[in-house]
Amino acid sequence: MTTATDVLGSGVVDDATLRRFLHGLPGVDQVGAEARAAALATRSIKTTAKAYGLDLAVRVIDLTTLEGADSHGAVRNLCAKAVRPDPSDPSCPSTAAVCVYNDLVPVAVSALERLGAAGRVKVAAVATAFPSGRASLRVKLADTEDAVAAGADEIDMVIDRGAFLAGRYGAVYEEIVATREACRRPDGVDAHLKVILETGELGSYDRVRRASWLAMLAGADFIKTSTGKVSPAATLPVSLVMLEAVRDWFSLTGSRVGFKPAGGIRTAKDALKHLVLVQETAGPDWLTPELYRLGASSLLNDVLLQRRKLATGAYAGADHLTPAT
């Protein structure tokens, strides 16, 4: 049986080697995964942990605008909201990042500099022919290099799902490796690479597990569920499978890879369910913006509403969410 250590240490990564390893991974128990995700979704968060959970939800959001009608003004407004989500409450934390198309990276960088939040609120850019991934490697790398040169702190790339589903794992691996290389900067402060699997197109939990491991083998800093353009997106069972993958990768290598669910997470209750899933699967060390993000556009408004309700005792709730130490 080929192990991850064999793949990493072999110096030769090809379709045959990757296929032996990926198809040798344990199969996902679909019924068990869905039952565990459903059970964790029923956990309530005690009053003493609610405020922490809601603030954490704000702190890990990648506040996103990925529409064809995006304008410079819309991006500036997004940056202002990311820095001060609730202008009436100075205790409200900033979001982790803003996520925009790569041609709007300079606008976001400039806006955050003017707001005094450069480096504190990151700029993430979608790249590699997002969301389809249908472009030549040369074009995908140029897309990435352009965003990095413009000041993007993070790159959200999409894998070639057609190649993955056809079993051309070597091609997917090589694209991730090449994109990671395109994230390098002369000053040594490289952009972080988030690899989007587009789980709604993969068709099974086994494929989600294989794609997660493939991305990590190729050097992903984060693995991400979805572009937000395909349904289903960040379901709890899919997130469970991917969190198990980053947990098992850490057990094997000692290296932590981050996780980002994106798409369909619209309410504070949704966010808290995902945070409980992280706590109970990967562990509290992942409850930090360095290792966990929520990709969202409309979620922040509901989280802010629930923070205000909590202050007046109007938010009911629920257990098992504690800060990392």
C-alpha atoms as a PDB file:
ATOM      1  CA  MET A   1       0.000   0.000   0.000  1.00  0.00           C
ATOM      2  CA  THR A   2       1.309   3.454  -0.968  1.00  0.00           C
ATOM      3  CA  THR A   3       1.298   5.952   1.927  1.00  0.00           C
ATOM      4  CA  ALA A   4       1.454   9.741   1.945  1.00  0.00           C
ATOM      5  CA  THR A   5       4.994   9.467   3.278  1.00  0.00           C
ATOM      6  CA  ASP A   6       5.910   7.305   0.279  1.00  0.00           C
ATOM      7  CA  VAL A   7       4.469   9.917  -2.103  1.00  0.00           C
ATOM      8  CA  LEU A   8       6.149  12.841  -0.372  1.00  0.00           C
ATOM      9  CA  GLY A   9       9.496  11.085  -0.098  1.00  0.00           C
ATOM     10  CA  SER A  10       9.604   9.398  -3.496  1.00  0.00           C
ATOM     11  CA  GLY A  11      10.629  12.429  -5.549  1.00  0.00           C
ATOM     12  CA  VAL A  12       8.417  11.021  -8.323  1.00  0.00           C
ATOM     13  CA  VAL A  13       4.761  12.014  -8.335  1.00  0.00           C
ATOM     14  CA  ASP A  14       2.770  10.664 -11.257  1.00  0.00           C
ATOM     15  CA  ASP A  15      -0.747   9.433 -11.964  1.00  0.00           C
ATOM     16  CA  ALA A  16       0.049   5.851 -11.009  1.00  0.00           C
ATOM     17  CA  THR A  17       1.636   6.768  -7.661  1.00  0.00           C
ATOM     18  CA  LEU A  18      -1.132   9.198  -6.785  1.00  0.00           C
ATOM     19  CA  ARG A  19      -3.850   6.763  -7.839  1.00  0.00           C
ATOM     20  CA  ARG A  20      -2.418   4.006  -5.643  1.00  0.00           C
ATOM     21  CA  PHE A  21      -2.345   6.340  -2.664  1.00  0.00           C
ATOM     22  CA  LEU A  22      -5.652   8.151  -3.190  1.00  0.00           C
ATOM     23  CA  HIS A  23      -7.639   5.012  -3.959  1.00  0.00           C
ATOM     24  CA  GLY A  24      -6.019   3.335  -0.970  1.00  0.00           C
ATOM     25  CA  LEU A  25      -7.521   5.858   1.439  1.00  0.00           C
ATOM     26  CA  PRO A  26     -10.270   4.445   3.675  1.00  0.00           C
ATOM     27  CA  GLY A  27     -13.712   4.893   2.179  1.00  0.00           C
ATOM     28  CA  VAL A  28     -16.056   7.395   3.783  1.00  0.00           C
ATOM     29  CA  ASP A  29     -18.995   5.899   5.679  1.00  0.00           C
ATOM     30  CA  GLN A  30     -21.713   8.071   4.113  1.00  0.00           C
ATOM     31  CA  VAL A  31     -24.384   7.182   6.663  1.00  0.00           C
ATOM     32  CA  GLY A  32     -21.981   7.660   9.542  1.00  0.00           C
ATOM     33  CA  ALA A  33     -20.643  10.981   8.263  1.00  0.00           C
ATOM     34  CA  GLU A  34     -24.108  12.387   7.702  1.00  0.00           C
ATOM     35  CA  ALA A  35     -25.327  11.146  11.093  1.00  0.00           C
ATOM     36  CA  ARG A  36     -22.338  12.650  12.934  1.00  0.00           C
ATOM     37  CA  ALA A  37     -22.695  15.979  11.133  1.00  0.00           C
ATOM     38  CA  ALA A  38     -26.414  16.035  11.955  1.00  0.00           C
ATOM     39  CA  ALA A  39     -25.753  15.223  15.612  1.00  0.00           C
ATOM     40  CA  LEU A  40     -23.146  17.964  15.961  1.00  0.00           C
ATOM     41  CA  ALA A  41     -25.556  20.410  14.321  1.00  0.00           C
ATOM     42  CA  THR A  42     -27.930  19.919  17.255  1.00  0.00           C
ATOM     43  CA  ARG A  43     -25.361  20.993  19.839  1.00  0.00           C
ATOM     44  CA  SER A  44     -26.320  24.161  21.649  1.00  0.00           C
ATOM     45  CA  ILE A  45     -23.804  26.760  22.723  1.00  0.00           C
ATOM     46  CA  LYS A  46     -23.907  27.871  26.339  1.00  0.00           C
ATOM     47  CA  THR A  47     -24.531  31.527  27.015  1.00  0.00           C
ATOM     48  CA  THR A  48     -20.958  32.013  28.218  1.00  0.00           C
ATOM     49  CA  ALA A  49     -19.587  30.745  24.871  1.00  0.00           C
ATOM     50  CA  LYS A  50     -22.095  32.459  22.576  1.00  0.00           C
ATOM     51  CA  ALA A  51     -20.381  35.832  22.533  1.00  0.00           C
ATOM     52  CA  TYR A  52     -17.050  34.143  21.831  1.00  0.00           C
ATOM     53  CA  GLY A  53     -18.597  32.102  19.022  1.00  0.00           C
ATOM     54  CA  LEU A  54     -20.220  35.077  17.343  1.00  0.00           C
ATOM     55  CA  ASP A  55     -17.061  37.178  17.591  1.00  0.00           C
ATOM     56  CA  LEU A  56     -15.033  34.266  16.242  1.00  0.00           C
ATOM     57  CA  ALA A  57     -17.434  33.956  13.330  1.00  0.00           C
ATOM     58  CA  VAL A  58     -16.724  37.597  12.456  1.00  0.00           C
ATOM     59  CA  ARG A  59     -12.967  37.154  12.864  1.00  0.00           C
ATOM     60  CA  VAL A  60     -12.778  34.204  10.448  1.00  0.00           C
ATOM     61  CA  ILE A  61     -14.990  35.580   7.663  1.00  0.00           C
ATOM     62  CA  ASP A  62     -13.533  36.168   4.213  1.00  0.00           C
ATOM     63  CA  LEU A  63     -15.966  38.957   3.282  1.00  0.00           C
ATOM     64  CA  THR A  64     -16.625  38.324  -0.358  1.00  0.00           C
ATOM     65  CA  THR A  65     -17.865  40.062  -3.482  1.00  0.00           C
ATOM     66  CA  LEU A  66     -17.502  38.060  -6.690  1.00  0.00           C
ATOM     67  CA  GLU A  67     -20.033  39.520  -9.090  1.00  0.00           C
ATOM     68  CA  GLY A  68     -19.618  40.689 -12.652  1.00  0.00           C
ATOM     69  CA  ALA A  69     -21.018  44.073 -11.614  1.00  0.00           C
ATOM     70  CA  ASP A  70     -18.392  44.668  -8.906  1.00  0.00           C
ATOM     71  CA  SER A  71     -17.057  48.218  -9.005  1.00  0.00           C
ATOM     72  CA  HIS A  72     -14.260  50.161  -7.319  1.00  0.00           C
ATOM     73  CA  GLY A  73     -16.816  51.775  -5.034  1.00  0.00           C
ATOM     74  CA  ALA A  74     -18.322  48.427  -4.052  1.00  0.00           C
ATOM     75  CA  VAL A  75     -14.887  47.070  -3.136  1.00  0.00           C
ATOM     76  CA  ARG A  76     -14.037  50.157  -1.085  1.00  0.00           C
ATOM     77  CA  ASN A  77     -17.322  49.780   0.797  1.00  0.00           C
ATOM     78  CA  LEU A  78     -16.567  46.081   1.336  1.00  0.00           C
ATOM     79  CA  CYS A  79     -13.173  46.965   2.816  1.00  0.00           C
ATOM     80  CA  ALA A  80     -14.708  49.551   5.146  1.00  0.00           C
ATOM     81  CA  LYS A  81     -17.232  46.981   6.346  1.00  0.00           C
ATOM     82  CA  ALA A  82     -14.493  44.372   6.850  1.00  0.00           C
ATOM     83  CA  VAL A  83     -12.451  46.741   9.001  1.00  0.00           C
ATOM     84  CA  ARG A  84     -15.384  48.020  11.082  1.00  0.00           C
ATOM     85  CA  PRO A  85     -18.267  45.592  10.647  1.00  0.00           C
ATOM     86  CA  ASP A  86     -20.402  47.368  13.253  1.00  0.00           C
ATOM     87  CA  PRO A  87     -19.511  51.085  13.428  1.00  0.00           C
ATOM     88  CA  SER A  88     -21.788  51.443  16.464  1.00  0.00           C
ATOM     89  CA  ASP A  89     -19.788  48.868  18.442  1.00  0.00           C
ATOM     90  CA  PRO A  90     -16.009  49.390  18.646  1.00  0.00           C
ATOM     91  CA  SER A  91     -15.651  46.009  20.392  1.00  0.00           C
ATOM     92  CA  CYS A  92     -16.689  44.200  17.210  1.00  0.00           C
ATOM     93  CA  PRO A  93     -13.624  42.600  15.578  1.00  0.00           C
ATOM     94  CA  SER A  94     -12.599  43.012  11.949  1.00  0.00           C
ATOM     95  CA  THR A  95     -13.069  40.184   9.477  1.00  0.00           C
ATOM     96  CA  ALA A  96     -10.107  38.051   8.432  1.00  0.00           C
ATOM     97  CA  ALA A  97     -10.032  39.154   4.797  1.00  0.00           C
ATOM     98  CA  VAL A  98     -11.821  40.584   1.823  1.00  0.00           C
ATOM     99  CA  CYS A  99     -12.078  38.332  -1.223  1.00  0.00           C
ATOM    100  CA  VAL A 100     -12.307  39.887  -4.698  1.00  0.00           C
ATOM    101  CA  TYR A 101     -11.528  39.233  -8.341  1.00  0.00           C
ATOM    102  CA  ASN A 102      -7.859  39.741  -9.090  1.00  0.00           C
ATOM    103  CA  ASP A 103      -8.297  42.929 -11.177  1.00  0.00           C
ATOM    104  CA  LEU A 104      -9.781  44.576  -8.070  1.00  0.00           C
ATOM    105  CA  VAL A 105      -6.889  43.634  -5.771  1.00  0.00           C
ATOM    106  CA  PRO A 106      -5.178  47.058  -6.153  1.00  0.00           C
ATOM    107  CA  VAL A 107      -8.435  48.773  -5.142  1.00  0.00           C
ATOM    108  CA  ALA A 108      -8.753  46.615  -2.023  1.00  0.00           C
ATOM    109  CA  VAL A 109      -5.077  47.040  -1.093  1.00  0.00           C
ATOM    110  CA  SER A 110      -5.315  50.820  -1.423  1.00  0.00           C
ATOM    111  CA  ALA A 111      -8.593  50.995   0.528  1.00  0.00           C
ATOM    112  CA  LEU A 112      -7.228  48.932   3.431  1.00  0.00           C
ATOM    113  CA  GLU A 113      -4.070  51.060   3.535  1.00  0.00           C
ATOM    114  CA  ARG A 114      -6.180  54.217   3.804  1.00  0.00           C
ATOM    115  CA  LEU A 115      -8.213  52.599   6.585  1.00  0.00           C
ATOM    116  CA  GLY A 116      -5.048  51.679   8.502  1.00  0.00           C
ATOM    117  CA  ALA A 117      -5.816  47.963   8.214  1.00  0.00           C
ATOM    118  CA  ALA A 118      -3.153  46.823   5.750  1.00  0.00           C
ATOM    119  CA  GLY A 119      -1.838  43.443   6.853  1.00  0.00           C
ATOM    120  CA  ARG A 120      -4.512  43.101   9.527  1.00  0.00           C
ATOM    121  CA  VAL A 121      -7.356  42.483   7.092  1.00  0.00           C
ATOM    122  CA  LYS A 122      -5.965  40.319   4.314  1.00  0.00           C
ATOM    123  CA  VAL A 123      -6.703  40.663   0.607  1.00  0.00           C
ATOM    124  CA  ALA A 124      -7.656  37.355  -1.010  1.00  0.00           C
ATOM    125  CA  ALA A 125      -7.978  37.062  -4.781  1.00  0.00           C
ATOM    126  CA  VAL A 126      -9.745  34.351  -6.726  1.00  0.00           C
ATOM    127  CA  ALA A 127      -7.550  33.164  -9.569  1.00  0.00           C
ATOM    128  CA  THR A 128      -6.836  30.348 -12.052  1.00  0.00           C
ATOM    129  CA  ALA A 129      -9.872  31.135 -14.226  1.00  0.00           C
ATOM    130  CA  PHE A 130     -12.281  31.157 -11.278  1.00  0.00           C
ATOM    131  CA  PRO A 131     -14.892  29.688 -11.017  1.00  0.00           C
ATOM    132  CA  SER A 132     -14.671  27.195 -13.907  1.00  0.00           C
ATOM    133  CA  GLY A 133     -10.921  26.624 -13.993  1.00  0.00           C
ATOM    134  CA  ARG A 134     -11.218  26.248 -17.746  1.00  0.00           C
ATOM    135  CA  ALA A 135      -8.085  27.905 -19.066  1.00  0.00           C
ATOM    136  CA  SER A 136      -4.575  26.886 -20.020  1.00  0.00           C
ATOM    137  CA  LEU A 137      -2.004  26.556 -17.269  1.00  0.00           C
ATOM    138  CA  ARG A 138      -0.124  29.514 -18.736  1.00  0.00           C
ATOM    139  CA  VAL A 139      -3.203  31.711 -18.370  1.00  0.00           C
ATOM    140  CA  LYS A 140      -3.935  30.409 -14.857  1.00  0.00           C
ATOM    141  CA  LEU A 141      -0.405  31.170 -13.691  1.00  0.00           C
ATOM    142  CA  ALA A 142      -0.492  34.641 -15.259  1.00  0.00           C
ATOM    143  CA  ASP A 143      -3.786  35.230 -13.433  1.00  0.00           C
ATOM    144  CA  THR A 144      -2.150  34.239 -10.142  1.00  0.00           C
ATOM    145  CA  GLU A 145       1.066  36.190 -10.708  1.00  0.00           C
ATOM    146  CA  ASP A 146      -0.939  39.306 -11.562  1.00  0.00           C
ATOM    147  CA  ALA A 147      -2.875  39.126  -8.279  1.00  0.00           C
ATOM    148  CA  VAL A 148       0.262  38.472  -6.217  1.00  0.00           C
ATOM    149  CA  ALA A 149       2.126  41.355  -7.876  1.00  0.00           C
ATOM    150  CA  ALA A 150      -0.829  43.635  -7.100  1.00  0.00           C
ATOM    151  CA  GLY A 151      -0.522  42.835  -3.403  1.00  0.00           C
ATOM    152  CA  ALA A 152      -2.846  39.895  -2.743  1.00  0.00           C
ATOM    153  CA  ASP A 153      -2.033  38.184   0.544  1.00  0.00           C
ATOM    154  CA  GLU A 154      -3.943  35.045  -0.394  1.00  0.00           C
ATOM    155  CA  ILE A 155      -4.868  33.229  -3.597  1.00  0.00           C
ATOM    156  CA  ASP A 156      -8.018  31.121  -3.883  1.00  0.00           C
ATOM    157  CA  MET A 157      -7.451  28.766  -6.832  1.00  0.00           C
ATOM    158  CA  VAL A 158      -9.806  26.216  -8.369  1.00  0.00           C
ATOM    159  CA  ILE A 159      -8.736  22.717  -9.300  1.00  0.00           C
ATOM    160  CA  ASP A 160      -9.408  21.259 -12.737  1.00  0.00           C
ATOM    161  CA  ARG A 161     -12.413  19.136 -11.799  1.00  0.00           C
ATOM    162  CA  GLY A 162     -12.533  17.522 -15.241  1.00  0.00           C
ATOM    163  CA  ALA A 163      -8.980  16.255 -14.842  1.00  0.00           C
ATOM    164  CA  PHE A 164      -9.641  15.072 -11.299  1.00  0.00           C
ATOM    165  CA  LEU A 165     -12.824  13.196 -12.211  1.00  0.00           C
ATOM    166  CA  ALA A 166     -11.019  11.588 -15.153  1.00  0.00           C
ATOM    167  CA  GLY A 167      -8.349  10.279 -12.785  1.00  0.00           C
ATOM    168  CA  ARG A 168      -5.631  12.582 -14.130  1.00  0.00           C
ATOM    169  CA  TYR A 169      -4.376  13.237 -10.634  1.00  0.00           C
ATOM    170  CA  GLY A 170      -0.870  14.110 -11.780  1.00  0.00           C
ATOM    171  CA  ALA A 171      -2.182  17.013 -13.861  1.00  0.00           C
ATOM    172  CA  VAL A 172      -4.145  18.400 -10.897  1.00  0.00           C
ATOM    173  CA  TYR A 173      -1.143  17.973  -8.614  1.00  0.00           C
ATOM    174  CA  GLU A 174       1.186  19.747 -11.043  1.00  0.00           C
ATOM    175  CA  GLU A 175      -1.213  22.699 -11.430  1.00  0.00           C
ATOM    176  CA  ILE A 176      -1.405  23.168  -7.667  1.00  0.00           C
ATOM    177  CA  VAL A 177       2.388  22.970  -7.339  1.00  0.00           C
ATOM    178  CA  ALA A 178       2.838  25.480 -10.171  1.00  0.00           C
ATOM    179  CA  THR A 179       0.246  27.836  -8.697  1.00  0.00           C
ATOM    180  CA  ARG A 180       1.939  27.657  -5.315  1.00  0.00           C
ATOM    181  CA  GLU A 181       5.187  28.614  -7.019  1.00  0.00           C
ATOM    182  CA  ALA A 182       3.395  31.580  -8.629  1.00  0.00           C
ATOM    183  CA  CYS A 183       2.453  32.720  -5.108  1.00  0.00           C
ATOM    184  CA  ARG A 184       6.108  33.389  -4.288  1.00  0.00           C
ATOM    185  CA  ARG A 185       7.357  36.947  -3.816  1.00  0.00           C
ATOM    186  CA  PRO A 186      10.942  38.227  -4.025  1.00  0.00           C
ATOM    187  CA  ASP A 187      10.750  39.396  -0.393  1.00  0.00           C
ATOM    188  CA  GLY A 188      10.009  35.844   0.761  1.00  0.00           C
ATOM    189  CA  VAL A 189       6.544  36.728   2.084  1.00  0.00           C
ATOM    190  CA  ASP A 190       4.557  34.413  -0.153  1.00  0.00           C
ATOM    191  CA  ALA A 191       0.817  34.623  -0.699  1.00  0.00           C
ATOM    192  CA  HIS A 192      -1.046  31.789   1.002  1.00  0.00           C
ATOM    193  CA  LEU A 193      -2.704  29.308  -1.333  1.00  0.00           C
ATOM    194  CA  LYS A 194      -6.281  28.145  -0.773  1.00  0.00           C
ATOM    195  CA  VAL A 195      -7.263  25.261  -3.052  1.00  0.00           C
ATOM    196  CA  ILE A 196     -10.954  25.097  -3.984  1.00  0.00           C
ATOM    197  CA  LEU A 197     -12.238  21.577  -4.648  1.00  0.00           C
ATOM    198  CA  GLU A 198     -15.767  22.552  -5.810  1.00  0.00           C
ATOM    199  CA  THR A 199     -17.191  19.650  -3.857  1.00  0.00           C
ATOM    200  CA  GLY A 200     -20.650  20.002  -5.414  1.00  0.00           C
ATOM    201  CA  GLU A 201     -19.171  18.716  -8.662  1.00  0.00           C
ATOM    202  CA  LEU A 202     -17.179  15.807  -7.204  1.00  0.00           C
ATOM    203  CA  GLY A 203     -20.137  13.495  -6.661  1.00  0.00           C
ATOM    204  CA  SER A 204     -19.124  11.531  -3.559  1.00  0.00           C
ATOM    205  CA  TYR A 205     -17.530  11.862  -0.143  1.00  0.00           C
ATOM    206  CA  ASP A 206     -14.768   9.474  -1.231  1.00  0.00           C
ATOM    207  CA  ARG A 207     -13.819  11.885  -4.020  1.00  0.00           C
ATOM    208  CA  VAL A 208     -13.929  14.799  -1.582  1.00  0.00           C
ATOM    209  CA  ARG A 209     -11.481  12.939   0.672  1.00  0.00           C
ATOM    210  CA  ARG A 210      -9.189  12.124  -2.267  1.00  0.00           C
ATOM    211  CA  ALA A 211      -9.246  15.696  -3.571  1.00  0.00           C
ATOM    212  CA  SER A 212      -8.466  17.011  -0.073  1.00  0.00           C
ATOM    213  CA  TRP A 213      -5.420  14.779   0.252  1.00  0.00           C
ATOM    214  CA  LEU A 214      -4.282  15.538  -3.283  1.00  0.00           C
ATOM    215  CA  ALA A 215      -4.375  19.280  -2.577  1.00  0.00           C
ATOM    216  CA  MET A 216      -2.424  18.854   0.659  1.00  0.00           C
ATOM    217  CA  LEU A 217       0.168  16.634  -1.003  1.00  0.00           C
ATOM    218  CA  ALA A 218       0.682  19.396  -3.573  1.00  0.00           C
ATOM    219  CA  GLY A 219       1.280  22.051  -0.913  1.00  0.00           C
ATOM    220  CA  ALA A 220      -2.060  23.756  -0.215  1.00  0.00           C
ATOM    221  CA  ASP A 221      -2.053  26.123   2.757  1.00  0.00           C
ATOM    222  CA  PHE A 222      -5.860  25.762   2.944  1.00  0.00           C
ATOM    223  CA  ILE A 223      -8.386  23.444   1.393  1.00  0.00           C
ATOM    224  CA  LYS A 224     -11.706  25.052   0.509  1.00  0.00           C
ATOM    225  CA  THR A 225     -15.054  23.491  -0.307  1.00  0.00           C
ATOM    226  CA  SER A 226     -16.514  25.630  -3.042  1.00  0.00           C
ATOM    227  CA  THR A 227     -16.557  28.690  -5.261  1.00  0.00           C
ATOM    228  CA  GLY A 228     -20.034  29.593  -4.045  1.00  0.00           C
ATOM    229  CA  LYS A 229     -21.209  29.343  -7.657  1.00  0.00           C
ATOM    230  CA  VAL A 230     -22.230  25.651  -7.528  1.00  0.00           C
ATOM    231  CA  SER A 231     -24.814  23.934  -5.330  1.00  0.00           C
ATOM    232  CA  PRO A 232     -24.491  22.051  -3.048  1.00  0.00           C
ATOM    233  CA  ALA A 233     -21.540  23.864  -1.530  1.00  0.00           C
ATOM    234  CA  ALA A 234     -20.368  23.844   2.088  1.00  0.00           C
ATOM    235  CA  THR A 235     -22.600  21.165   3.579  1.00  0.00           C
ATOM    236  CA  LEU A 236     -21.807  19.932   7.084  1.00  0.00           C
ATOM    237  CA  PRO A 237     -21.008  16.337   5.987  1.00  0.00           C
ATOM    238  CA  VAL A 238     -18.599  17.575   3.287  1.00  0.00           C
ATOM    239  CA  SER A 239     -16.980  19.893   5.820  1.00  0.00           C
ATOM    240  CA  LEU A 240     -16.656  16.961   8.244  1.00  0.00           C
ATOM    241  CA  VAL A 241     -14.819  14.878   5.627  1.00  0.00           C
ATOM    242  CA  MET A 242     -12.434  17.737   4.828  1.00  0.00           C
ATOM    243  CA  LEU A 243     -11.795  18.510   8.496  1.00  0.00           C
ATOM    244  CA  GLU A 244     -10.969  14.851   9.093  1.00  0.00           C
ATOM    245  CA  ALA A 245      -8.480  15.128   6.234  1.00  0.00           C
ATOM    246  CA  VAL A 246      -6.652  18.144   7.706  1.00  0.00           C
ATOM    247  CA  ARG A 247      -6.680  16.484  11.130  1.00  0.00           C
ATOM    248  CA  ASP A 248      -5.202  13.258   9.737  1.00  0.00           C
ATOM    249  CA  TRP A 249      -2.655  15.202   7.662  1.00  0.00           C
ATOM    250  CA  PHE A 250      -1.445  16.909  10.845  1.00  0.00           C
ATOM    251  CA  SER A 251      -1.217  13.564  12.640  1.00  0.00           C
ATOM    252  CA  LEU A 252       0.920  12.211   9.797  1.00  0.00           C
ATOM    253  CA  THR A 253       3.140  15.203   8.977  1.00  0.00           C
ATOM    254  CA  GLY A 254       3.002  17.552  11.974  1.00  0.00           C
ATOM    255  CA  SER A 255       1.959  20.322   9.586  1.00  0.00           C
ATOM    256  CA  ARG A 256      -1.369  22.124   9.917  1.00  0.00           C
ATOM    257  CA  VAL A 257      -3.399  22.907   6.802  1.00  0.00           C
ATOM    258  CA  GLY A 258      -6.303  25.327   7.059  1.00  0.00           C
ATOM    259  CA  PHE A 259      -9.902  24.748   6.033  1.00  0.00           C
ATOM    260  CA  LYS A 260     -12.433  27.104   4.453  1.00  0.00           C
ATOM    261  CA  PRO A 261     -16.072  26.206   3.876  1.00  0.00           C
ATOM    262  CA  ALA A 262     -17.732  28.598   1.424  1.00  0.00           C
ATOM    263  CA  GLY A 263     -21.145  28.804  -0.175  1.00  0.00           C
ATOM    264  CA  GLY A 264     -24.533  28.594   1.512  1.00  0.00           C
ATOM    265  CA  ILE A 265     -23.452  29.714   5.003  1.00  0.00           C
ATOM    266  CA  ARG A 266     -25.863  32.601   5.506  1.00  0.00           C
ATOM    267  CA  THR A 267     -26.931  32.751   9.154  1.00  0.00           C
ATOM    268  CA  ALA A 268     -25.252  32.958  12.533  1.00  0.00           C
ATOM    269  CA  LYS A 269     -26.731  29.561  13.386  1.00  0.00           C
ATOM    270  CA  ASP A 270     -25.123  28.095  10.254  1.00  0.00           C
ATOM    271  CA  ALA A 271     -21.769  29.583  11.242  1.00  0.00           C
ATOM    272  CA  LEU A 272     -21.967  28.285  14.809  1.00  0.00           C
ATOM    273  CA  LYS A 273     -22.766  24.780  13.555  1.00  0.00           C
ATOM    274  CA  HIS A 274     -19.626  24.910  11.425  1.00  0.00           C
ATOM    275  CA  LEU A 275     -17.542  26.177  14.346  1.00  0.00           C
ATOM    276  CA  VAL A 276     -18.769  23.317  16.548  1.00  0.00           C
ATOM    277  CA  LEU A 277     -17.836  20.904  13.740  1.00  0.00           C
ATOM    278  CA  VAL A 278     -14.284  22.294  13.740  1.00  0.00           C
ATOM    279  CA  GLN A 279     -14.012  22.054  17.529  1.00  0.00           C
ATOM    280  CA  GLU A 280     -15.193  18.444  17.600  1.00  0.00           C
ATOM    281  CA  THR A 281     -13.310  17.189  14.520  1.00  0.00           C
ATOM    282  CA  ALA A 282      -9.991  18.979  13.998  1.00  0.00           C
ATOM    283  CA  GLY A 283      -9.873  20.511  17.462  1.00  0.00           C
ATOM    284  CA  PRO A 284      -9.692  23.997  18.999  1.00  0.00           C
ATOM    285  CA  ASP A 285      -6.288  24.757  17.473  1.00  0.00           C
ATOM    286  CA  TRP A 286      -8.124  25.289  14.180  1.00  0.00           C
ATOM    287  CA  LEU A 287     -10.451  27.934  15.674  1.00  0.00           C
ATOM    288  CA  THR A 288      -8.283  30.812  14.485  1.00  0.00           C
ATOM    289  CA  PRO A 289      -8.168  32.906  11.277  1.00  0.00           C
ATOM    290  CA  GLU A 290      -4.774  31.400  10.515  1.00  0.00           C
ATOM    291  CA  LEU A 291      -6.344  27.954  10.054  1.00  0.00           C
ATOM    292  CA  TYR A 292     -10.050  28.512   9.493  1.00  0.00           C
ATOM    293  CA  ARG A 293     -12.151  30.815   7.333  1.00  0.00           C
ATOM    294  CA  LEU A 294     -15.794  31.156   6.409  1.00  0.00           C
ATOM    295  CA  GLY A 295     -16.327  32.312   2.851  1.00  0.00           C
ATOM    296  CA  ALA A 296     -19.417  34.496   2.870  1.00  0.00           C
ATOM    297  CA  SER A 297     -21.096  37.597   1.510  1.00  0.00           C
ATOM    298  CA  SER A 298     -24.398  37.834   3.424  1.00  0.00           C
ATOM    299  CA  LEU A 299     -23.438  35.975   6.631  1.00  0.00           C
ATOM    300  CA  LEU A 300     -21.859  38.956   8.377  1.00  0.00           C
ATOM    301  CA  ASN A 301     -25.106  40.915   8.590  1.00  0.00           C
ATOM    302  CA  ASP A 302     -26.889  38.155  10.487  1.00  0.00           C
ATOM    303  CA  VAL A 303     -23.944  37.578  12.826  1.00  0.00           C
ATOM    304  CA  LEU A 304     -23.943  41.296  13.683  1.00  0.00           C
ATOM    305  CA  LEU A 305     -27.697  41.175  14.284  1.00  0.00           C
ATOM    306  CA  GLN A 306     -27.311  38.210  16.646  1.00  0.00           C
ATOM    307  CA  ARG A 307     -24.458  39.968  18.519  1.00  0.00           C
ATOM    308  CA  ARG A 308     -26.809  42.865  19.177  1.00  0.00           C
ATOM    309  CA  LYS A 309     -29.593  40.499  20.269  1.00  0.00           C
ATOM    310  CA  LEU A 310     -27.193  38.704  22.590  1.00  0.00           C
ATOM    311  CA  ALA A 311     -26.423  42.005  24.293  1.00  0.00           C
ATOM    312  CA  THR A 312     -30.128  42.376  25.089  1.00  0.00           C
ATOM    313  CA  GLY A 313     -30.692  38.704  25.982  1.00  0.00           C
ATOM    314  CA  ALA A 314     -32.792  38.045  22.882  1.00  0.00           C
ATOM    315  CA  TYR A 315     -30.571  35.338  21.360  1.00  0.00           C
ATOM    316  CA  ALA A 316     -31.343  31.782  22.467  1.00  0.00           C
ATOM    317  CA  GLY A 317     -28.664  29.230  22.493  1.00  0.00           C
ATOM    318  CA  ALA A 318     -26.377  26.407  22.969  1.00  0.00           C
ATOM    319  CA  ASP A 319     -22.491  24.020  24.002  1.00  0.00           C
ATOM    320  CA  HIS A 320     -19.067  22.896  23.293  1.00  0.00           C
ATOM    321  CA  LEU A 321     -17.247  25.795  21.713  1.00  0.00           C
ATOM    322  CA  THR A 322     -14.115  26.986  23.471  1.00  0.00           C
ATOM    323  CA  PRO A 323     -11.275  29.257  22.436  1.00  0.00           C
ATOM    324  CA  ALA A 324      -7.953  27.793  21.364  1.00  0.00           C
ATOM    325  CA  THR A 325      -5.179  28.088  23.909  1.00  0.00           C
END
